[in-house]
Structure formats: C-alpha cells, structure tokens
N, C-alpha and C. Protein backbone atom coordinates (compact mmCIF):
# COMPACT_ATOMS: atom_id res chain seq x y z
N MET A 1 -140.09 -17.27 -20.46
CA MET A 1 -140.29 -15.84 -20.17
C MET A 1 -140.20 -15.23 -19.02
N THR A 2 -140.19 -14.39 -18.94
CA THR A 2 -139.44 -13.18 -18.21
C THR A 2 -140.67 -12.41 -17.23
N VAL A 3 -140.41 -12.65 -16.17
CA VAL A 3 -141.72 -12.33 -14.67
C VAL A 3 -140.75 -11.43 -14.09
N SER A 4 -141.41 -9.82 -14.39
CA SER A 4 -141.20 -8.74 -13.14
C SER A 4 -142.13 -8.58 -11.98
N ARG A 5 -141.48 -7.59 -11.38
CA ARG A 5 -142.92 -7.67 -10.07
C ARG A 5 -143.08 -6.07 -10.05
N ARG A 6 -144.21 -5.68 -9.93
CA ARG A 6 -144.16 -4.31 -9.84
C ARG A 6 -145.18 -4.15 -8.47
N ARG A 7 -144.48 -2.61 -7.54
CA ARG A 7 -145.07 -3.45 -6.46
C ARG A 7 -146.46 -2.44 -6.84
N VAL A 8 -147.08 -2.44 -5.82
CA VAL A 8 -148.50 -1.40 -6.12
C VAL A 8 -149.15 -1.32 -4.17
N LEU A 9 -150.33 -0.54 -4.41
CA LEU A 9 -150.59 -0.39 -3.30
C LEU A 9 -151.96 -1.55 -3.07
N ALA A 10 -152.67 -2.43 -2.43
CA ALA A 10 -153.81 -2.56 -2.45
C ALA A 10 -154.85 -2.10 -1.61
N VAL A 11 -155.74 -2.09 -1.93
CA VAL A 11 -156.89 -0.89 -1.29
C VAL A 11 -158.22 -2.38 -1.37
N LYS A 12 -158.74 -2.47 -0.31
CA LYS A 12 -159.62 -3.89 0.24
C LYS A 12 -160.92 -2.74 0.78
N ILE A 13 -161.63 -2.62 -0.06
CA ILE A 13 -162.90 -1.96 1.20
C ILE A 13 -164.23 -3.27 1.27
N HIS A 14 -164.40 -3.34 1.88
CA HIS A 14 -165.64 -4.05 2.99
C HIS A 14 -166.91 -2.92 2.41
N CYS A 15 -167.40 -3.76 1.67
CA CYS A 15 -168.87 -2.36 1.25
C CYS A 15 -169.93 -3.28 1.53
N PRO A 16 -170.70 -2.90 2.73
CA PRO A 16 -172.11 -3.68 2.74
C PRO A 16 -172.84 -3.19 1.78
N ILE A 17 -173.96 -4.64 1.72
CA ILE A 17 -174.95 -4.26 0.46
C ILE A 17 -176.17 -5.11 0.84
N ALA A 18 -177.13 -4.78 0.49
CA ALA A 18 -178.14 -5.05 0.81
C ALA A 18 -178.65 -6.83 0.88
N PRO A 19 -179.18 -6.84 1.35
CA PRO A 19 -179.48 -8.28 1.36
C PRO A 19 -179.82 -9.04 -0.27
N GLU A 20 -181.17 -8.35 -0.70
CA GLU A 20 -181.57 -8.23 -1.84
C GLU A 20 -180.25 -8.28 -3.09
N THR A 21 -179.32 -7.26 -2.82
CA THR A 21 -178.01 -7.89 -3.69
C THR A 21 -177.13 -8.72 -4.01
N LEU A 22 -177.59 -9.86 -2.61
CA LEU A 22 -176.53 -10.57 -1.71
C LEU A 22 -176.65 -11.54 -2.80
N THR A 23 -178.60 -11.56 -1.97
CA THR A 23 -178.80 -13.22 -3.05
C THR A 23 -179.26 -13.17 -4.19
N ALA A 24 -179.41 -11.76 -5.02
CA ALA A 24 -179.34 -11.68 -6.89
C ALA A 24 -177.79 -12.03 -7.52
N LEU A 25 -176.39 -11.80 -6.21
CA LEU A 25 -175.72 -11.81 -6.96
C LEU A 25 -175.58 -13.54 -6.77
N LEU A 26 -175.96 -14.16 -5.58
CA LEU A 26 -175.48 -15.67 -6.10
C LEU A 26 -176.52 -16.67 -6.65
N SER A 27 -177.30 -15.47 -7.03
CA SER A 27 -178.22 -16.47 -8.19
C SER A 27 -177.38 -15.86 -9.35
N GLY A 28 -176.94 -15.52 -9.70
CA GLY A 28 -176.21 -14.90 -10.79
C GLY A 28 -176.33 -13.74 -11.97
N ASP A 29 -177.22 -13.03 -10.92
CA ASP A 29 -177.76 -11.33 -11.50
C ASP A 29 -176.34 -11.21 -11.51
N GLN A 30 -175.41 -10.56 -12.49
CA GLN A 30 -174.02 -10.03 -12.54
C GLN A 30 -174.09 -8.28 -11.86
N GLN A 31 -175.28 -7.76 -12.87
CA GLN A 31 -175.95 -6.31 -12.86
C GLN A 31 -176.22 -5.60 -11.41
N ALA A 32 -176.67 -6.66 -10.39
CA ALA A 32 -177.10 -6.81 -8.86
C ALA A 32 -176.51 -5.16 -7.89
N LEU A 33 -174.74 -5.81 -8.23
CA LEU A 33 -173.98 -4.32 -7.53
C LEU A 33 -173.81 -3.11 -8.30
N GLU A 34 -174.82 -2.87 -9.42
CA GLU A 34 -175.18 -1.42 -9.84
C GLU A 34 -176.09 -0.69 -9.49
N ARG A 35 -177.09 -1.94 -9.31
CA ARG A 35 -178.39 -1.30 -8.10
C ARG A 35 -177.96 -1.26 -7.07
N ASP A 36 -177.09 -1.38 -6.78
CA ASP A 36 -177.09 -1.45 -4.92
C ASP A 36 -176.56 -0.21 -4.73
N ALA A 37 -176.50 0.45 -3.73
CA ALA A 37 -176.74 2.53 -3.69
C ALA A 37 -175.41 2.21 -3.15
N THR A 38 -174.64 1.79 -2.20
CA THR A 38 -173.34 1.57 -1.69
C THR A 38 -172.20 1.32 -2.60
N ALA A 39 -172.61 0.22 -3.34
CA ALA A 39 -171.30 -1.01 -3.60
C ALA A 39 -171.73 -0.12 -5.16
N ALA A 40 -172.60 0.84 -6.00
CA ALA A 40 -172.25 1.56 -7.03
C ALA A 40 -171.73 3.10 -6.87
N ALA A 41 -171.77 3.39 -5.59
CA ALA A 41 -171.26 4.72 -5.31
C ALA A 41 -169.61 4.23 -4.81
N ILE A 42 -169.10 3.23 -4.37
CA ILE A 42 -167.70 2.63 -4.93
C ILE A 42 -167.34 1.96 -5.78
N LEU A 43 -168.03 1.93 -6.42
CA LEU A 43 -167.40 0.97 -8.00
C LEU A 43 -167.54 2.42 -8.60
N GLY A 44 -168.18 3.29 -8.39
CA GLY A 44 -168.43 4.80 -9.39
C GLY A 44 -166.42 5.00 -9.19
N ILE A 45 -166.70 5.03 -7.72
CA ILE A 45 -165.02 6.25 -7.18
C ILE A 45 -163.73 5.11 -7.88
N ILE A 46 -163.97 3.85 -7.77
CA ILE A 46 -162.80 3.03 -8.56
C ILE A 46 -163.08 3.40 -9.98
N ARG A 47 -163.84 3.55 -10.55
CA ARG A 47 -163.97 3.83 -11.75
C ARG A 47 -163.26 4.84 -12.61
N ALA A 48 -164.00 5.79 -11.76
CA ALA A 48 -163.36 6.93 -11.79
C ALA A 48 -162.01 7.51 -12.55
N ASP A 49 -161.99 9.23 -13.29
CA ASP A 49 -160.37 9.22 -13.91
C ASP A 49 -159.62 9.30 -12.06
N ASN A 50 -158.88 8.26 -11.67
CA ASN A 50 -158.14 8.27 -10.46
C ASN A 50 -157.03 7.15 -10.27
N PRO A 51 -155.72 7.31 -9.96
CA PRO A 51 -154.85 5.85 -10.02
C PRO A 51 -155.97 4.32 -9.66
N LEU A 52 -156.48 4.65 -8.78
CA LEU A 52 -157.31 3.22 -8.25
C LEU A 52 -157.79 2.34 -9.49
N GLY A 53 -157.19 1.08 -9.73
CA GLY A 53 -157.78 0.23 -10.43
C GLY A 53 -156.99 0.00 -11.98
N ASP A 54 -155.99 1.07 -12.15
CA ASP A 54 -155.31 1.46 -13.09
C ASP A 54 -154.78 0.19 -13.22
N PHE A 55 -154.44 -0.49 -14.68
CA PHE A 55 -153.66 -1.53 -14.98
C PHE A 55 -152.91 -0.93 -16.60
N GLY A 56 -153.04 0.38 -16.82
CA GLY A 56 -152.25 0.23 -17.74
C GLY A 56 -152.70 0.11 -19.36
N LEU A 57 -153.78 -0.59 -19.24
CA LEU A 57 -154.37 -1.53 -20.69
C LEU A 57 -155.90 -1.47 -20.46
N TYR A 58 -156.14 -2.00 -18.71
CA TYR A 58 -157.31 -1.85 -18.05
C TYR A 58 -157.17 -0.81 -17.18
N HIS A 59 -158.49 -0.13 -16.62
CA HIS A 59 -159.30 0.51 -16.12
C HIS A 59 -160.18 0.32 -15.28
N GLY A 60 -160.07 0.55 -14.00
CA GLY A 60 -161.68 0.08 -13.22
C GLY A 60 -161.93 -0.79 -12.47
N VAL A 61 -160.20 -1.59 -12.45
CA VAL A 61 -160.29 -2.98 -12.75
C VAL A 61 -160.43 -3.33 -10.91
N CYS A 62 -161.32 -4.37 -10.52
CA CYS A 62 -161.00 -4.83 -8.80
C CYS A 62 -161.84 -6.02 -8.88
N GLU A 63 -161.16 -6.72 -8.06
CA GLU A 63 -161.92 -7.92 -7.44
C GLU A 63 -162.96 -8.06 -6.16
N ILE A 64 -163.90 -8.88 -6.76
CA ILE A 64 -165.12 -8.47 -6.21
C ILE A 64 -165.39 -10.17 -5.36
N SER A 65 -165.63 -10.07 -3.95
CA SER A 65 -165.40 -10.81 -3.28
C SER A 65 -167.10 -11.14 -2.03
N LEU A 66 -167.85 -11.79 -2.05
CA LEU A 66 -168.78 -12.03 -1.27
C LEU A 66 -169.29 -12.40 0.23
N GLY A 67 -169.17 -12.12 0.97
CA GLY A 67 -169.87 -12.47 2.51
C GLY A 67 -169.94 -12.16 3.20
N TRP A 68 -170.26 -12.08 4.59
CA TRP A 68 -170.81 -11.24 5.42
C TRP A 68 -169.99 -10.73 6.61
N GLU A 69 -170.04 -9.72 7.16
CA GLU A 69 -169.24 -8.77 8.39
C GLU A 69 -170.20 -9.26 9.51
N SER A 70 -169.81 -9.95 10.62
CA SER A 70 -170.34 -9.82 12.08
C SER A 70 -169.26 -8.42 12.99
N PHE A 71 -170.53 -8.00 14.25
CA PHE A 71 -169.80 -7.30 14.67
C PHE A 71 -170.91 -7.13 15.50
N THR A 72 -170.75 -6.69 16.64
CA THR A 72 -172.07 -6.36 18.01
C THR A 72 -171.24 -4.42 18.27
N PRO A 73 -172.16 -3.50 18.14
CA PRO A 73 -172.02 -2.03 18.14
C PRO A 73 -172.10 -2.09 19.64
N SER A 74 -171.42 -1.40 20.72
CA SER A 74 -171.42 -0.66 21.80
C SER A 74 -172.46 0.39 22.40
N PRO A 75 -172.65 0.52 23.24
CA PRO A 75 -173.80 0.83 23.13
C PRO A 75 -173.42 2.72 23.10
N GLN A 76 -171.70 2.95 22.53
CA GLN A 76 -173.01 4.42 22.15
C GLN A 76 -172.17 4.49 21.01
N ALA A 77 -172.26 3.39 19.89
CA ALA A 77 -172.11 3.02 18.74
C ALA A 77 -173.73 3.76 18.31
N LYS A 78 -173.65 4.66 16.96
CA LYS A 78 -174.81 4.66 16.26
C LYS A 78 -174.52 3.79 14.61
N PRO A 79 -174.87 2.45 14.79
CA PRO A 79 -174.99 1.88 14.37
C PRO A 79 -175.50 1.92 12.59
N THR A 80 -175.27 2.14 11.39
CA THR A 80 -175.94 1.62 10.29
C THR A 80 -176.67 0.74 10.09
N LEU A 81 -176.84 -0.68 10.63
CA LEU A 81 -177.14 -2.00 10.64
C LEU A 81 -177.35 -2.66 12.30
N GLY A 82 -178.61 -2.83 12.69
CA GLY A 82 -178.12 -2.93 14.12
C GLY A 82 -178.76 -2.86 14.74
N SER A 83 -178.53 -2.33 16.35
CA SER A 83 -178.81 -1.96 17.78
C SER A 83 -177.52 -2.42 18.41
N ALA A 84 -177.35 -1.70 19.09
CA ALA A 84 -176.15 -2.15 20.45
C ALA A 84 -175.88 -3.01 21.73
N ASP A 85 -175.16 -3.47 21.38
CA ASP A 85 -175.03 -4.88 22.33
C ASP A 85 -175.44 -6.43 22.08
N THR A 86 -176.64 -6.72 20.23
CA THR A 86 -176.92 -7.12 19.81
C THR A 86 -175.89 -7.67 18.82
N ARG A 87 -175.42 -8.60 18.34
CA ARG A 87 -174.09 -8.78 17.22
C ARG A 87 -175.24 -8.62 15.94
N SER A 88 -174.92 -8.38 15.25
CA SER A 88 -175.58 -8.32 13.69
C SER A 88 -174.66 -9.19 12.87
N LEU A 89 -175.42 -9.04 11.37
CA LEU A 89 -174.66 -9.77 10.50
C LEU A 89 -174.82 -8.97 9.52
N SER A 90 -174.41 -8.54 8.22
CA SER A 90 -174.44 -8.15 8.00
C SER A 90 -173.96 -8.18 6.18
N PRO A 91 -174.63 -8.69 5.13
CA PRO A 91 -173.82 -9.13 3.75
C PRO A 91 -172.99 -7.86 3.03
N THR A 92 -172.19 -8.12 2.60
CA THR A 92 -170.56 -7.62 1.89
C THR A 92 -170.03 -8.04 1.33
N ALA A 93 -170.03 -6.74 0.08
CA ALA A 93 -169.48 -7.16 -1.48
C ALA A 93 -167.80 -6.28 -0.75
N ILE A 94 -166.40 -7.26 -0.77
CA ILE A 94 -165.47 -7.17 -0.16
C ILE A 94 -164.58 -6.80 -1.75
N LEU A 95 -164.23 -5.80 -2.69
CA LEU A 95 -163.98 -5.05 -2.99
C LEU A 95 -162.13 -4.71 -2.89
N THR A 96 -161.39 -5.43 -4.28
CA THR A 96 -159.97 -5.03 -4.08
C THR A 96 -159.01 -4.50 -5.15
N THR A 97 -158.88 -3.56 -5.00
CA THR A 97 -158.42 -2.69 -6.67
C THR A 97 -156.97 -2.27 -6.11
N TYR A 98 -155.72 -1.81 -7.05
CA TYR A 98 -154.59 -1.67 -6.70
C TYR A 98 -154.33 -0.32 -7.11
N ALA A 99 -153.32 0.63 -6.69
CA ALA A 99 -153.01 1.72 -7.55
C ALA A 99 -151.37 1.52 -7.59
N PRO A 100 -150.23 2.00 -8.37
CA PRO A 100 -148.87 2.12 -7.93
C PRO A 100 -148.56 2.92 -6.83
N THR A 101 -147.94 2.24 -6.03
CA THR A 101 -147.17 2.96 -4.58
C THR A 101 -147.08 4.63 -4.90
N ASP A 102 -146.64 5.07 -5.62
CA ASP A 102 -146.34 6.31 -5.55
C ASP A 102 -147.33 7.33 -6.53
N ALA A 103 -148.14 6.76 -6.21
CA ALA A 103 -149.76 7.87 -7.03
C ALA A 103 -150.05 8.30 -5.88
N ASP A 104 -150.93 9.27 -6.08
CA ASP A 104 -151.29 10.00 -5.32
C ASP A 104 -152.84 9.39 -5.19
N ILE A 105 -153.16 8.78 -4.46
CA ILE A 105 -154.51 7.83 -4.05
C ILE A 105 -155.97 8.64 -2.84
N GLU A 106 -155.10 9.90 -2.01
CA GLU A 106 -155.26 10.63 -1.03
C GLU A 106 -156.99 10.88 -1.58
N PRO A 107 -156.72 11.79 -2.45
CA PRO A 107 -158.68 12.02 -3.18
C PRO A 107 -158.99 11.11 -3.26
N ALA A 108 -158.77 9.93 -3.59
CA ALA A 108 -159.65 8.84 -3.78
C ALA A 108 -160.14 8.14 -2.56
N LEU A 109 -159.05 8.12 -1.76
CA LEU A 109 -159.81 7.41 -0.43
C LEU A 109 -159.95 8.16 0.19
N SER A 110 -160.20 9.45 0.41
CA SER A 110 -161.42 10.72 0.85
C SER A 110 -162.64 10.28 0.28
N ALA A 111 -162.77 10.00 -0.91
CA ALA A 111 -164.42 9.48 -1.32
C ALA A 111 -164.92 8.55 -1.21
N LEU A 112 -163.59 7.42 -0.80
CA LEU A 112 -164.35 6.26 -0.31
C LEU A 112 -164.79 6.39 1.14
N ILE A 113 -164.25 7.08 1.96
CA ILE A 113 -164.10 7.22 2.82
C ILE A 113 -165.58 8.28 3.16
N ALA A 114 -166.15 8.89 2.48
CA ALA A 114 -167.62 9.74 2.44
C ALA A 114 -168.46 9.08 1.74
N ALA A 115 -168.57 7.80 1.26
CA ALA A 115 -169.46 7.23 0.20
C ALA A 115 -169.55 6.22 1.35
N HIS A 116 -168.87 5.34 2.33
CA HIS A 116 -168.88 4.00 3.08
C HIS A 116 -170.17 4.80 4.37
N PRO A 117 -171.17 3.72 4.35
CA PRO A 117 -172.00 4.54 5.22
C PRO A 117 -171.85 4.16 6.66
N TRP A 118 -170.78 3.06 6.68
CA TRP A 118 -169.92 2.27 7.78
C TRP A 118 -170.28 3.44 9.05
N GLU A 119 -169.92 3.35 10.19
CA GLU A 119 -169.50 4.34 11.21
C GLU A 119 -168.08 4.30 11.62
N VAL A 120 -167.55 2.77 11.63
CA VAL A 120 -166.11 2.79 10.89
C VAL A 120 -165.84 1.94 10.14
N PRO A 121 -165.72 2.89 8.79
CA PRO A 121 -165.57 2.21 7.96
C PRO A 121 -164.20 1.28 7.64
N VAL A 122 -164.58 -0.51 7.02
CA VAL A 122 -163.48 -0.88 7.38
C VAL A 122 -163.02 -0.98 5.55
N ILE A 123 -161.45 -0.67 5.25
CA ILE A 123 -161.00 -0.18 3.92
C ILE A 123 -159.29 -0.57 4.76
N GLU A 124 -159.21 -1.63 4.39
CA GLU A 124 -157.00 -1.64 4.07
C GLU A 124 -156.54 -1.17 3.37
N LEU A 125 -155.26 -0.78 3.82
CA LEU A 125 -154.18 -0.54 2.65
C LEU A 125 -153.17 -1.02 3.08
N ALA A 126 -152.64 -1.71 1.70
CA ALA A 126 -151.41 -3.12 2.13
C ALA A 126 -150.26 -2.89 0.86
N GLU A 127 -149.20 -2.10 1.29
CA GLU A 127 -147.88 -3.27 -0.06
C GLU A 127 -147.93 -4.22 -0.58
N THR A 128 -148.00 -4.38 -1.76
CA THR A 128 -147.67 -6.13 -2.43
C THR A 128 -146.84 -5.77 -3.99
N HIS A 129 -147.03 -6.96 -3.81
CA HIS A 129 -146.65 -7.19 -5.95
C HIS A 129 -147.11 -7.83 -6.77
N LEU A 130 -147.23 -7.47 -7.63
CA LEU A 130 -148.42 -7.81 -9.06
C LEU A 130 -147.41 -8.42 -9.84
N LEU A 131 -147.49 -9.58 -10.32
CA LEU A 131 -146.61 -10.24 -11.33
C LEU A 131 -146.65 -9.51 -13.34
N VAL A 132 -145.66 -9.25 -14.08
CA VAL A 132 -146.03 -8.57 -15.30
C VAL A 132 -145.48 -9.45 -15.62
N ARG A 133 -145.42 -9.87 -16.72
CA ARG A 133 -145.00 -10.41 -18.13
C ARG A 133 -143.99 -9.41 -19.00
C-alpha cells in the first residue's frame, strides 16, 4: 500500500466546560458537549461551512480530549473562573481539528476567538502532516 502525506494546519482549542459536562462525559454521556454552551458554540464553528475539519469525505472532524487547565490569575486579570492570586482548576475539553495549509481559515479563527470565554484563549496552531492512503 502506498502512503502519502498531506500538509495540514492543526488547530487545538482548549475549551472550558462546566463541571457537570465533564462528569456527564466521563460517565459515558456522549451528548454532554452538545448541551454545554461554550463547547456547543465552538463545535458549531468547527462544523460550519469552512475548511476546519474538512477531510473531503468527512466534515466537521475533530478529536476530543478531556482534562483540566490549571492557572493563577494576576491581580490585573478579569478571569471567567477563579479570582486573582488564587490557583484555579478548570474542566476542559481539548478540541483538535485540521485544515489544509493553503486554506483561508482566518474567519473561522476569528469566530473561535469570539466564542471563547477566556480572557486569554488558548488556541494552538501547528503545521503537521496527516497520512493518506
């Protein structure tokens, strides 16, 4: 079998979720993210008519990982969760999707930033390769 590589841009979004959403997901409730306001908004952007998650035969593709973000807001911060000088732990879904490196994803990135509730959203971009049959 011949394997080739396709250059893509990986977009990894650290999305805060409600503690109840994390609990529901960990107990097997696969629809919990759809009920979480922030996650649903970000998933909606990934699933919209844009290059994010477009694999040709499949659309809106993203990987979902669960975890927690740890942070300590500075006195000047206006955190969505927690308070200044106090370490906080936020339940988080990490949504990773991909787009062709030559695609115009700026409108989708702007939408992600607008939908993200954190004062400093954590959205990573990295060029990578996907294997293709």
